[in-house]
């Protein structure tokens, strides 16, 4: 069907036949698209509902492929190699366990790739043949280096006299601090208060006339 679709055979069909062919191709691609890309049998099968996916369980048992399945109370765990007691109908339970299984698979694949790369690099290094010409050249160079007299060590340069210290001009003396003007001294003696006015003596009282005065 895929070859017929790639050849454009559906273009010559009527609209209804073309639509039927496209639907059938999409359905088969959704069901078996992953199997087309497989280059070896699977190492394990993960099943959500063994009771619903009984065909996959039977095929895995026939090919001796290990099965990991979420088993509810209505499933038969005897047909499963690694049953996981869980609710295989609730979407949250399925999402949680599927995410955990997918993460473990990806981690294992990455670890296997790293091991394969390390093993391939080690095998290349171990199996690399030694070059006899390179070994002979190295031996000749080693013998030449041993026979040659040691090169004289270069004389140490004479110690240079330290440069004379340049006299630095004396720093200008700091200007004397200006003293604050002395506070005005208080007068030695307070100004004398003006003398109090003298009290004038009262005029003498007039003498009383005597009775002996004849003029009275």
C-alpha atoms as a PDB file:
ATOM      1  CA  UNK A   1       0.000   0.000   0.000  1.00  0.00           C
ATOM      2  CA  UNK A   2       2.840   2.380   0.763  1.00  0.00           C
ATOM      3  CA  UNK A   3       4.455   1.614  -2.597  1.00  0.00           C
ATOM      4  CA  UNK A   4       1.173   2.251  -4.348  1.00  0.00           C
ATOM      5  CA  UNK A   5       0.809   5.551  -2.535  1.00  0.00           C
ATOM      6  CA  UNK A   6       4.385   6.529  -3.407  1.00  0.00           C
ATOM      7  CA  UNK A   7       3.801   5.658  -7.081  1.00  0.00           C
ATOM      8  CA  UNK A   8       0.796   7.984  -7.177  1.00  0.00           C
ATOM      9  CA  UNK A   9      -1.694   5.263  -7.969  1.00  0.00           C
ATOM     10  CA  UNK A  10      -4.324   6.893  -5.776  1.00  0.00           C
ATOM     11  CA  UNK A  11      -4.313   9.961  -8.006  1.00  0.00           C
ATOM     12  CA  UNK A  12      -6.010   8.037 -10.815  1.00  0.00           C
ATOM     13  CA  UNK A  13      -8.810   6.746  -8.580  1.00  0.00           C
ATOM     14  CA  UNK A  14     -12.137   8.379  -7.963  1.00  0.00           C
ATOM     15  CA  UNK A  15     -12.546  10.716  -5.054  1.00  0.00           C
ATOM     16  CA  UNK A  16     -14.284   8.112  -2.880  1.00  0.00           C
ATOM     17  CA  UNK A  17     -11.755   5.362  -3.639  1.00  0.00           C
ATOM     18  CA  UNK A  18      -8.859   7.747  -3.091  1.00  0.00           C
ATOM     19  CA  UNK A  19     -10.278   8.802   0.266  1.00  0.00           C
ATOM     20  CA  UNK A  20     -10.750   5.157   1.316  1.00  0.00           C
ATOM     21  CA  UNK A  21      -7.188   4.316   0.307  1.00  0.00           C
ATOM     22  CA  UNK A  22      -5.751   7.287   2.213  1.00  0.00           C
ATOM     23  CA  UNK A  23      -7.696   6.376   5.357  1.00  0.00           C
ATOM     24  CA  UNK A  24      -6.494   2.787   5.195  1.00  0.00           C
ATOM     25  CA  UNK A  25      -2.891   3.937   4.744  1.00  0.00           C
ATOM     26  CA  UNK A  26      -3.094   6.306   7.701  1.00  0.00           C
ATOM     27  CA  UNK A  27      -4.613   3.588   9.888  1.00  0.00           C
ATOM     28  CA  UNK A  28      -1.907   1.083   9.027  1.00  0.00           C
ATOM     29  CA  UNK A  29       0.806   3.718   9.445  1.00  0.00           C
ATOM     30  CA  UNK A  30      -0.478   4.520  12.908  1.00  0.00           C
ATOM     31  CA  UNK A  31      -0.619   0.846  13.904  1.00  0.00           C
ATOM     32  CA  UNK A  32       2.546  -0.491  12.271  1.00  0.00           C
ATOM     33  CA  UNK A  33       4.641   2.589  11.527  1.00  0.00           C
ATOM     34  CA  UNK A  34       7.016   1.846  14.377  1.00  0.00           C
ATOM     35  CA  UNK A  35       7.565  -1.733  13.249  1.00  0.00           C
ATOM     36  CA  UNK A  36       8.741  -0.600   9.821  1.00  0.00           C
ATOM     37  CA  UNK A  37      11.688   1.263  11.346  1.00  0.00           C
ATOM     38  CA  UNK A  38      12.829  -1.661  13.519  1.00  0.00           C
ATOM     39  CA  UNK A  39      15.997  -3.422  12.399  1.00  0.00           C
ATOM     40  CA  UNK A  40      15.932  -6.166  15.074  1.00  0.00           C
ATOM     41  CA  UNK A  41      13.369  -7.893  17.307  1.00  0.00           C
ATOM     42  CA  UNK A  42      12.389  -5.937  20.414  1.00  0.00           C
ATOM     43  CA  UNK A  43      14.121  -6.805  23.643  1.00  0.00           C
ATOM     44  CA  UNK A  44      10.972  -6.188  25.697  1.00  0.00           C
ATOM     45  CA  UNK A  45       7.303  -5.340  25.184  1.00  0.00           C
ATOM     46  CA  UNK A  46       5.448  -2.815  27.357  1.00  0.00           C
ATOM     47  CA  UNK A  47       1.679  -3.304  27.470  1.00  0.00           C
ATOM     48  CA  UNK A  48      -0.838  -0.983  29.112  1.00  0.00           C
ATOM     49  CA  UNK A  49      -3.868  -3.300  29.260  1.00  0.00           C
ATOM     50  CA  UNK A  50      -3.054  -7.011  28.737  1.00  0.00           C
ATOM     51  CA  UNK A  51      -6.732  -7.902  28.539  1.00  0.00           C
ATOM     52  CA  UNK A  52      -7.331  -5.448  25.715  1.00  0.00           C
ATOM     53  CA  UNK A  53      -3.968  -6.062  23.996  1.00  0.00           C
ATOM     54  CA  UNK A  54      -4.246  -9.844  24.108  1.00  0.00           C
ATOM     55  CA  UNK A  55      -2.828 -10.228  20.587  1.00  0.00           C
ATOM     56  CA  UNK A  56       0.404  -8.457  21.565  1.00  0.00           C
ATOM     57  CA  UNK A  57       0.660 -10.625  24.679  1.00  0.00           C
ATOM     58  CA  UNK A  58       0.235 -13.830  22.677  1.00  0.00           C
ATOM     59  CA  UNK A  59       2.762 -12.774  20.042  1.00  0.00           C
ATOM     60  CA  UNK A  60       5.319 -11.842  22.711  1.00  0.00           C
ATOM     61  CA  UNK A  61       4.853 -15.161  24.470  1.00  0.00           C
ATOM     62  CA  UNK A  62       5.208 -17.004  21.175  1.00  0.00           C
ATOM     63  CA  UNK A  63       8.509 -15.247  20.366  1.00  0.00           C
ATOM     64  CA  UNK A  64       9.777 -15.531  23.970  1.00  0.00           C
ATOM     65  CA  UNK A  65       9.899 -11.758  24.341  1.00  0.00           C
ATOM     66  CA  UNK A  66       9.693 -10.461  27.945  1.00  0.00           C
ATOM     67  CA  UNK A  67       6.530  -8.518  28.762  1.00  0.00           C
ATOM     68  CA  UNK A  68       6.091  -5.615  31.171  1.00  0.00           C
ATOM     69  CA  UNK A  69       2.415  -4.796  31.624  1.00  0.00           C
ATOM     70  CA  UNK A  70       0.119  -2.779  33.868  1.00  0.00           C
ATOM     71  CA  UNK A  71      -2.181  -5.379  35.376  1.00  0.00           C
ATOM     72  CA  UNK A  72      -5.528  -4.425  36.858  1.00  0.00           C
ATOM     73  CA  UNK A  73      -7.813  -6.802  38.751  1.00  0.00           C
ATOM     74  CA  UNK A  74      -9.286  -8.061  35.466  1.00  0.00           C
ATOM     75  CA  UNK A  75      -5.899  -9.058  33.931  1.00  0.00           C
ATOM     76  CA  UNK A  76      -4.198 -12.440  34.072  1.00  0.00           C
ATOM     77  CA  UNK A  77      -0.707 -11.923  35.575  1.00  0.00           C
ATOM     78  CA  UNK A  78       0.332 -15.479  34.697  1.00  0.00           C
ATOM     79  CA  UNK A  79       0.801 -14.430  31.072  1.00  0.00           C
ATOM     80  CA  UNK A  80       3.028 -11.491  32.026  1.00  0.00           C
ATOM     81  CA  UNK A  81       6.712 -11.784  32.889  1.00  0.00           C
ATOM     82  CA  UNK A  82       6.862  -8.526  34.892  1.00  0.00           C
ATOM     83  CA  UNK A  83       3.363  -7.501  36.004  1.00  0.00           C
ATOM     84  CA  UNK A  84       2.952  -4.021  37.500  1.00  0.00           C
ATOM     85  CA  UNK A  85      -0.133  -3.747  39.733  1.00  0.00           C
ATOM     86  CA  UNK A  86      -1.748  -0.496  38.677  1.00  0.00           C
ATOM     87  CA  UNK A  87      -4.920   1.006  37.341  1.00  0.00           C
ATOM     88  CA  UNK A  88      -4.788   0.537  33.575  1.00  0.00           C
ATOM     89  CA  UNK A  89      -7.933   2.616  32.982  1.00  0.00           C
ATOM     90  CA  UNK A  90      -7.089   5.953  34.668  1.00  0.00           C
ATOM     91  CA  UNK A  91      -5.265   8.394  32.414  1.00  0.00           C
ATOM     92  CA  UNK A  92      -3.149   9.839  35.246  1.00  0.00           C
ATOM     93  CA  UNK A  93      -1.914   6.404  36.292  1.00  0.00           C
ATOM     94  CA  UNK A  94      -1.048   5.536  32.705  1.00  0.00           C
ATOM     95  CA  UNK A  95       0.783   8.837  32.149  1.00  0.00           C
ATOM     96  CA  UNK A  96       2.818   8.483  35.350  1.00  0.00           C
ATOM     97  CA  UNK A  97       3.966   4.901  34.790  1.00  0.00           C
ATOM     98  CA  UNK A  98       4.543   5.383  31.070  1.00  0.00           C
ATOM     99  CA  UNK A  99       6.734   8.420  31.743  1.00  0.00           C
ATOM    100  CA  UNK A 100       8.798   6.442  34.260  1.00  0.00           C
ATOM    101  CA  UNK A 101       9.265   3.516  31.875  1.00  0.00           C
ATOM    102  CA  UNK A 102      10.151   5.816  28.960  1.00  0.00           C
ATOM    103  CA  UNK A 103      12.721   7.654  31.098  1.00  0.00           C
ATOM    104  CA  UNK A 104      14.345   4.381  32.134  1.00  0.00           C
ATOM    105  CA  UNK A 105      14.492   3.215  28.506  1.00  0.00           C
ATOM    106  CA  UNK A 106      16.092   6.458  27.307  1.00  0.00           C
ATOM    107  CA  UNK A 107      18.634   6.339  30.132  1.00  0.00           C
ATOM    108  CA  UNK A 108      19.542   2.765  29.253  1.00  0.00           C
ATOM    109  CA  UNK A 109      19.902   3.580  25.560  1.00  0.00           C
ATOM    110  CA  UNK A 110      22.194   6.532  26.312  1.00  0.00           C
ATOM    111  CA  UNK A 111      24.312   4.409  28.654  1.00  0.00           C
ATOM    112  CA  UNK A 112      24.603   1.682  26.031  1.00  0.00           C
ATOM    113  CA  UNK A 113      25.705   4.157  23.365  1.00  0.00           C
ATOM    114  CA  UNK A 114      28.413   5.540  25.652  1.00  0.00           C
ATOM    115  CA  UNK A 115      29.670   2.027  26.387  1.00  0.00           C
ATOM    116  CA  UNK A 116      29.732   1.155  22.694  1.00  0.00           C
ATOM    117  CA  UNK A 117      31.695   4.307  21.844  1.00  0.00           C
ATOM    118  CA  UNK A 118      34.196   3.620  24.626  1.00  0.00           C
ATOM    119  CA  UNK A 119      34.585   0.010  23.525  1.00  0.00           C
ATOM    120  CA  UNK A 120      35.045   1.038  19.886  1.00  0.00           C
ATOM    121  CA  UNK A 121      37.689   3.609  20.819  1.00  0.00           C
ATOM    122  CA  UNK A 122      39.555   1.084  22.973  1.00  0.00           C
ATOM    123  CA  UNK A 123      39.513  -1.585  20.278  1.00  0.00           C
ATOM    124  CA  UNK A 124      40.877   0.844  17.709  1.00  0.00           C
ATOM    125  CA  UNK A 125      43.747   1.785  19.998  1.00  0.00           C
ATOM    126  CA  UNK A 126      44.555  -1.821  20.927  1.00  0.00           C
ATOM    127  CA  UNK A 127      44.364  -3.162  17.374  1.00  0.00           C
ATOM    128  CA  UNK A 128      46.375  -0.357  15.757  1.00  0.00           C
ATOM    129  CA  UNK A 129      49.582  -1.986  14.355  1.00  0.00           C
ATOM    130  CA  UNK A 130      52.893  -0.502  15.383  1.00  0.00           C
ATOM    131  CA  UNK A 131      54.805   1.247  12.598  1.00  0.00           C
ATOM    132  CA  UNK A 132      58.327  -0.336  12.334  1.00  0.00           C
ATOM    133  CA  UNK A 133      59.733   2.679  10.510  1.00  0.00           C
ATOM    134  CA  UNK A 134      58.578   4.992  13.261  1.00  0.00           C
ATOM    135  CA  UNK A 135      60.176   2.706  15.868  1.00  0.00           C
ATOM    136  CA  UNK A 136      63.514   2.677  14.006  1.00  0.00           C
ATOM    137  CA  UNK A 137      63.532   6.459  13.698  1.00  0.00           C
ATOM    138  CA  UNK A 138      62.818   6.791  17.395  1.00  0.00           C
ATOM    139  CA  UNK A 139      65.671   4.401  18.257  1.00  0.00           C
ATOM    140  CA  UNK A 140      68.142   6.306  16.054  1.00  0.00           C
ATOM    141  CA  UNK A 141      67.116   9.606  17.592  1.00  0.00           C
ATOM    142  CA  UNK A 142      67.512   8.174  21.082  1.00  0.00           C
ATOM    143  CA  UNK A 143      71.033   6.871  20.287  1.00  0.00           C
ATOM    144  CA  UNK A 144      72.086  10.180  18.744  1.00  0.00           C
ATOM    145  CA  UNK A 145      70.856  12.062  21.757  1.00  0.00           C
ATOM    146  CA  UNK A 146      72.813   9.747  24.097  1.00  0.00           C
ATOM    147  CA  UNK A 147      76.076  10.018  22.098  1.00  0.00           C
ATOM    148  CA  UNK A 148      76.044  13.771  21.684  1.00  0.00           C
ATOM    149  CA  UNK A 149      77.961  15.679  24.395  1.00  0.00           C
ATOM    150  CA  UNK A 150      75.816  17.687  26.659  1.00  0.00           C
ATOM    151  CA  UNK A 151      75.441  21.243  25.539  1.00  0.00           C
ATOM    152  CA  UNK A 152      77.127  23.760  27.830  1.00  0.00           C
ATOM    153  CA  UNK A 153      74.770  25.493  30.074  1.00  0.00           C
ATOM    154  CA  UNK A 154      74.362  29.148  29.185  1.00  0.00           C
ATOM    155  CA  UNK A 155      76.221  31.469  31.522  1.00  0.00           C
ATOM    156  CA  UNK A 156      74.064  33.278  33.910  1.00  0.00           C
ATOM    157  CA  UNK A 157      73.864  36.982  33.096  1.00  0.00           C
ATOM    158  CA  UNK A 158      75.794  39.255  35.399  1.00  0.00           C
ATOM    159  CA  UNK A 159      73.749  40.791  38.053  1.00  0.00           C
ATOM    160  CA  UNK A 160      73.004  44.357  37.153  1.00  0.00           C
ATOM    161  CA  UNK A 161      73.642  47.025  39.716  1.00  0.00           C
ATOM    162  CA  UNK A 162      70.484  48.373  41.143  1.00  0.00           C
ATOM    163  CA  UNK A 163      69.660  51.808  39.780  1.00  0.00           C
ATOM    164  CA  UNK A 164      70.570  54.711  41.992  1.00  0.00           C
ATOM    165  CA  UNK A 165      67.775  56.006  44.003  1.00  0.00           C
ATOM    166  CA  UNK A 166      66.615  59.355  42.740  1.00  0.00           C
ATOM    167  CA  UNK A 167      66.466  61.879  45.514  1.00  0.00           C
ATOM    168  CA  UNK A 168      63.026  63.187  45.824  1.00  0.00           C
ATOM    169  CA  UNK A 169      62.690  66.918  46.553  1.00  0.00           C
ATOM    170  CA  UNK A 170      61.605  67.669  50.090  1.00  0.00           C
ATOM    171  CA  UNK A 171      57.975  68.246  50.457  1.00  0.00           C
ATOM    172  CA  UNK A 172      57.081  71.908  51.068  1.00  0.00           C
ATOM    173  CA  UNK A 173      56.568  72.715  54.688  1.00  0.00           C
ATOM    174  CA  UNK A 174      53.014  72.989  55.658  1.00  0.00           C
ATOM    175  CA  UNK A 175      51.838  76.539  56.230  1.00  0.00           C
ATOM    176  CA  UNK A 176      51.503  77.344  59.928  1.00  0.00           C
ATOM    177  CA  UNK A 177      48.036  77.144  61.115  1.00  0.00           C
ATOM    178  CA  UNK A 178      46.551  80.546  61.650  1.00  0.00           C
ATOM    179  CA  UNK A 179      45.723  81.175  65.244  1.00  0.00           C
ATOM    180  CA  UNK A 180      42.369  82.541  65.994  1.00  0.00           C
ATOM    181  CA  UNK A 181      42.425  86.180  67.051  1.00  0.00           C
ATOM    182  CA  UNK A 182      42.406  86.434  70.840  1.00  0.00           C
ATOM    183  CA  UNK A 183      39.170  87.278  72.359  1.00  0.00           C
ATOM    184  CA  UNK A 184      38.899  90.878  73.459  1.00  0.00           C
ATOM    185  CA  UNK A 185      40.155  91.132  76.977  1.00  0.00           C
ATOM    186  CA  UNK A 186      37.733  92.262  79.541  1.00  0.00           C
ATOM    187  CA  UNK A 187      38.578  95.701  81.034  1.00  0.00           C
ATOM    188  CA  UNK A 188      40.653  95.355  84.133  1.00  0.00           C
ATOM    189  CA  UNK A 189      38.207  97.355  86.180  1.00  0.00           C
ATOM    190  CA  UNK A 190      34.597  97.828  85.474  1.00  0.00           C
ATOM    191  CA  UNK A 191      33.667 101.383  84.624  1.00  0.00           C
ATOM    192  CA  UNK A 192      32.939 103.163  87.825  1.00  0.00           C
ATOM    193  CA  UNK A 193      29.335 103.946  88.363  1.00  0.00           C
ATOM    194  CA  UNK A 194      28.596 107.688  88.420  1.00  0.00           C
ATOM    195  CA  UNK A 195      28.616 109.066  91.993  1.00  0.00           C
ATOM    196  CA  UNK A 196      25.257 109.449  93.578  1.00  0.00           C
ATOM    197  CA  UNK A 197      24.126 113.120  93.862  1.00  0.00           C
ATOM    198  CA  UNK A 198      24.693 114.654  97.233  1.00  0.00           C
ATOM    199  CA  UNK A 199      21.625 115.280  99.312  1.00  0.00           C
ATOM    200  CA  UNK A 200      21.264 118.968  99.975  1.00  0.00           C
ATOM    201  CA  UNK A 201      20.777 119.939 103.512  1.00  0.00           C
ATOM    202  CA  UNK A 202      17.347 121.159 104.349  1.00  0.00           C
ATOM    203  CA  UNK A 203      17.184 124.917 104.946  1.00  0.00           C
ATOM    204  CA  UNK A 204      16.930 125.854 108.606  1.00  0.00           C
ATOM    205  CA  UNK A 205      13.460 126.417 109.820  1.00  0.00           C
ATOM    206  CA  UNK A 206      12.477 130.023 110.435  1.00  0.00           C
ATOM    207  CA  UNK A 207      12.718 130.950 113.975  1.00  0.00           C
ATOM    208  CA  UNK A 208       9.466 131.415 115.671  1.00  0.00           C
ATOM    209  CA  UNK A 209       8.858 135.032 116.786  1.00  0.00           C
ATOM    210  CA  UNK A 210       9.369 135.512 120.448  1.00  0.00           C
ATOM    211  CA  UNK A 211       6.788 137.041 122.655  1.00  0.00           C
ATOM    212  CA  UNK A 212       9.207 139.649 123.842  1.00  0.00           C
ATOM    213  CA  UNK A 213       9.352 141.318 120.445  1.00  0.00           C
ATOM    214  CA  UNK A 214       7.737 144.679 120.932  1.00  0.00           C
ATOM    215  CA  UNK A 215       6.819 144.956 117.294  1.00  0.00           C
ATOM    216  CA  UNK A 216       4.539 142.016 117.295  1.00  0.00           C
END
